Amino acid sequence: FTFPGGSFHGRFALSLPTTSMAEFKKVVQTAEVKVVDMNPEVTHDVVDMVTQGVEKVGKLQDFEKMSQYIKESCDKKFGPSWHCCIGEGFSYDVTTHQKHCLYMMYGGYLGVVVWKC
């Protein structure tokens, strides 16, 4: 097989840009809001709480501690009765107060649902 710049023999070299670990974490640890039924200010605060919860716990497999941190942060800032579920590969069906539900993905694979009931 021939390319305009030479021939191809089944091997190729891929040149990736060099990035620091901090830059890599910024790319991987992104929050993508999928479904939101909240005021924009509350949405921004909850997304920040999720990000802080994941970063403070450190281990991405300790879903219980992450969920507890997010729930306690929401209760402290917005009043009681907040709930949080975190995991990989799940669906949800919850009854919520109007304007108090958020579903987002963190890092592309971690699903997070935060709601008040």
C-alpha atoms as a PDB file:
ATOM      1  CA  PHE A   1       0.000   0.000   0.000  1.00  0.00           C
ATOM      2  CA  THR A   2       1.465   3.370  -0.933  1.00  0.00           C
ATOM      3  CA  PHE A   3       0.829   6.722   0.707  1.00  0.00           C
ATOM      4  CA  PRO A   4       1.654  10.006  -0.998  1.00  0.00           C
ATOM      5  CA  GLY A   5       4.661  10.386   1.288  1.00  0.00           C
ATOM      6  CA  GLY A   6       5.974   6.807   1.046  1.00  0.00           C
ATOM      7  CA  SER A   7       4.935   3.221   1.597  1.00  0.00           C
ATOM      8  CA  PHE A   8       3.026   1.572   4.421  1.00  0.00           C
ATOM      9  CA  HIS A   9       4.128  -1.875   5.655  1.00  0.00           C
ATOM     10  CA  GLY A  10       1.553  -2.580   8.363  1.00  0.00           C
ATOM     11  CA  ARG A  11       3.180  -0.475  11.058  1.00  0.00           C
ATOM     12  CA  PHE A  12       2.764   3.142  11.875  1.00  0.00           C
ATOM     13  CA  ALA A  13       4.069   5.645  14.381  1.00  0.00           C
ATOM     14  CA  LEU A  14       1.623   7.867  16.174  1.00  0.00           C
ATOM     15  CA  SER A  15       2.931  11.103  17.560  1.00  0.00           C
ATOM     16  CA  LEU A  16       0.932  12.255  20.565  1.00  0.00           C
ATOM     17  CA  PRO A  17       1.364  15.700  22.059  1.00  0.00           C
ATOM     18  CA  THR A  18       3.140  15.638  25.388  1.00  0.00           C
ATOM     19  CA  THR A  19       0.871  16.621  28.239  1.00  0.00           C
ATOM     20  CA  SER A  20       1.378  16.912  31.944  1.00  0.00           C
ATOM     21  CA  MET A  21      -0.612  14.849  34.408  1.00  0.00           C
ATOM     22  CA  ALA A  22      -2.575  17.967  35.420  1.00  0.00           C
ATOM     23  CA  GLU A  23      -3.596  18.600  31.800  1.00  0.00           C
ATOM     24  CA  PHE A  24      -4.553  14.931  31.404  1.00  0.00           C
ATOM     25  CA  LYS A  25      -6.742  15.069  34.528  1.00  0.00           C
ATOM     26  CA  LYS A  26      -8.526  18.160  33.194  1.00  0.00           C
ATOM     27  CA  VAL A  27      -9.458  16.261  30.052  1.00  0.00           C
ATOM     28  CA  VAL A  28     -10.501  13.039  31.807  1.00  0.00           C
ATOM     29  CA  GLN A  29     -12.218  14.620  34.803  1.00  0.00           C
ATOM     30  CA  THR A  30     -14.880  16.551  33.011  1.00  0.00           C
ATOM     31  CA  ALA A  31     -18.463  16.943  34.073  1.00  0.00           C
ATOM     32  CA  GLU A  32     -21.118  16.648  31.389  1.00  0.00           C
ATOM     33  CA  VAL A  33     -24.649  17.486  32.495  1.00  0.00           C
ATOM     34  CA  LYS A  34     -27.127  15.177  30.729  1.00  0.00           C
ATOM     35  CA  VAL A  35     -30.484  16.026  32.347  1.00  0.00           C
ATOM     36  CA  VAL A  36     -31.134  19.012  34.555  1.00  0.00           C
ATOM     37  CA  ASP A  37     -34.234  20.324  36.296  1.00  0.00           C
ATOM     38  CA  MET A  38     -32.661  22.989  38.514  1.00  0.00           C
ATOM     39  CA  ASN A  39     -31.992  26.682  38.574  1.00  0.00           C
ATOM     40  CA  PRO A  40     -28.718  27.567  36.801  1.00  0.00           C
ATOM     41  CA  GLU A  41     -27.070  28.767  40.036  1.00  0.00           C
ATOM     42  CA  VAL A  42     -27.952  25.564  41.888  1.00  0.00           C
ATOM     43  CA  THR A  43     -26.836  23.469  38.909  1.00  0.00           C
ATOM     44  CA  HIS A  44     -23.442  25.169  38.916  1.00  0.00           C
ATOM     45  CA  ASP A  45     -23.038  24.624  42.674  1.00  0.00           C
ATOM     46  CA  VAL A  46     -24.062  20.950  42.496  1.00  0.00           C
ATOM     47  CA  VAL A  47     -21.677  20.244  39.599  1.00  0.00           C
ATOM     48  CA  ASP A  48     -18.893  21.864  41.661  1.00  0.00           C
ATOM     49  CA  MET A  49     -19.844  19.693  44.654  1.00  0.00           C
ATOM     50  CA  VAL A  50     -19.701  16.541  42.515  1.00  0.00           C
ATOM     51  CA  THR A  51     -16.287  17.525  41.178  1.00  0.00           C
ATOM     52  CA  GLN A  52     -15.010  18.255  44.691  1.00  0.00           C
ATOM     53  CA  GLY A  53     -16.453  14.985  45.992  1.00  0.00           C
ATOM     54  CA  VAL A  54     -14.692  12.923  43.360  1.00  0.00           C
ATOM     55  CA  GLU A  55     -11.410  14.786  43.799  1.00  0.00           C
ATOM     56  CA  LYS A  56     -11.451  14.718  47.631  1.00  0.00           C
ATOM     57  CA  VAL A  57     -12.201  11.007  47.877  1.00  0.00           C
ATOM     58  CA  GLY A  58      -9.396  10.320  45.416  1.00  0.00           C
ATOM     59  CA  LYS A  59     -10.240   6.712  44.632  1.00  0.00           C
ATOM     60  CA  LEU A  60     -12.743   6.537  41.777  1.00  0.00           C
ATOM     61  CA  GLN A  61     -14.172   3.250  43.085  1.00  0.00           C
ATOM     62  CA  ASP A  62     -15.295   4.486  46.513  1.00  0.00           C
ATOM     63  CA  PHE A  63     -18.767   5.522  45.379  1.00  0.00           C
ATOM     64  CA  GLU A  64     -20.238   5.463  48.889  1.00  0.00           C
ATOM     65  CA  LYS A  65     -17.862   8.119  50.255  1.00  0.00           C
ATOM     66  CA  MET A  66     -18.300  10.272  47.146  1.00  0.00           C
ATOM     67  CA  SER A  67     -22.073  10.055  47.423  1.00  0.00           C
ATOM     68  CA  GLN A  68     -21.999  10.851  51.140  1.00  0.00           C
ATOM     69  CA  TYR A  69     -19.800  13.925  50.584  1.00  0.00           C
ATOM     70  CA  ILE A  70     -22.079  15.262  47.838  1.00  0.00           C
ATOM     71  CA  LYS A  71     -25.260  14.615  49.860  1.00  0.00           C
ATOM     72  CA  GLU A  72     -23.863  16.317  52.973  1.00  0.00           C
ATOM     73  CA  SER A  73     -22.622  19.293  50.937  1.00  0.00           C
ATOM     74  CA  CYS A  74     -26.059  19.754  49.323  1.00  0.00           C
ATOM     75  CA  ASP A  75     -27.835  19.386  52.679  1.00  0.00           C
ATOM     76  CA  LYS A  76     -25.540  21.988  54.227  1.00  0.00           C
ATOM     77  CA  LYS A  77     -25.926  24.527  51.416  1.00  0.00           C
ATOM     78  CA  PHE A  78     -29.551  24.006  50.289  1.00  0.00           C
ATOM     79  CA  GLY A  79     -31.308  22.394  53.263  1.00  0.00           C
ATOM     80  CA  PRO A  80     -32.064  18.750  54.096  1.00  0.00           C
ATOM     81  CA  SER A  81     -33.449  15.804  52.098  1.00  0.00           C
ATOM     82  CA  TRP A  82     -30.906  15.619  49.246  1.00  0.00           C
ATOM     83  CA  HIS A  83     -29.889  12.251  47.826  1.00  0.00           C
ATOM     84  CA  CYS A  84     -27.081  11.128  45.550  1.00  0.00           C
ATOM     85  CA  CYS A  85     -26.385   7.943  43.576  1.00  0.00           C
ATOM     86  CA  ILE A  86     -23.073   7.324  41.826  1.00  0.00           C
ATOM     87  CA  GLY A  87     -22.028   4.395  39.697  1.00  0.00           C
ATOM     88  CA  GLU A  88     -21.241   2.918  36.341  1.00  0.00           C
ATOM     89  CA  GLY A  89     -23.919   1.558  34.028  1.00  0.00           C
ATOM     90  CA  PHE A  90     -27.180   2.272  35.826  1.00  0.00           C
ATOM     91  CA  SER A  91     -30.533   3.848  35.102  1.00  0.00           C
ATOM     92  CA  TYR A  92     -32.742   5.766  37.483  1.00  0.00           C
ATOM     93  CA  ASP A  93     -36.367   6.621  38.145  1.00  0.00           C
ATOM     94  CA  VAL A  94     -36.864   8.920  41.113  1.00  0.00           C
ATOM     95  CA  THR A  95     -39.608  11.154  42.439  1.00  0.00           C
ATOM     96  CA  THR A  96     -38.245  14.624  43.141  1.00  0.00           C
ATOM     97  CA  HIS A  97     -39.255  18.106  44.129  1.00  0.00           C
ATOM     98  CA  GLN A  98     -39.804  20.234  41.057  1.00  0.00           C
ATOM     99  CA  LYS A  99     -36.586  21.997  39.985  1.00  0.00           C
ATOM    100  CA  HIS A 100     -34.373  19.740  42.148  1.00  0.00           C
ATOM    101  CA  CYS A 101     -32.884  16.970  39.972  1.00  0.00           C
ATOM    102  CA  LEU A 102     -29.600  16.617  38.084  1.00  0.00           C
ATOM    103  CA  TYR A 103     -28.114  13.720  36.121  1.00  0.00           C
ATOM    104  CA  MET A 104     -24.560  14.037  34.850  1.00  0.00           C
ATOM    105  CA  MET A 105     -21.583  12.037  33.666  1.00  0.00           C
ATOM    106  CA  TYR A 106     -18.169  12.569  35.208  1.00  0.00           C
ATOM    107  CA  GLY A 107     -15.055  11.517  33.358  1.00  0.00           C
ATOM    108  CA  GLY A 108     -17.113   9.925  30.607  1.00  0.00           C
ATOM    109  CA  TYR A 109     -18.133   6.799  32.525  1.00  0.00           C
ATOM    110  CA  LEU A 110     -19.291   7.725  36.029  1.00  0.00           C
ATOM    111  CA  GLY A 111     -23.016   8.476  36.293  1.00  0.00           C
ATOM    112  CA  VAL A 112     -24.173  10.817  39.067  1.00  0.00           C
ATOM    113  CA  VAL A 113     -27.793  11.550  40.036  1.00  0.00           C
ATOM    114  CA  VAL A 114     -28.495  14.232  42.660  1.00  0.00           C
ATOM    115  CA  TRP A 115     -32.058  15.044  43.706  1.00  0.00           C
ATOM    116  CA  LYS A 116     -34.164  16.406  46.527  1.00  0.00           C
ATOM    117  CA  CYS A 117     -37.328  14.710  47.730  1.00  0.00           C
END
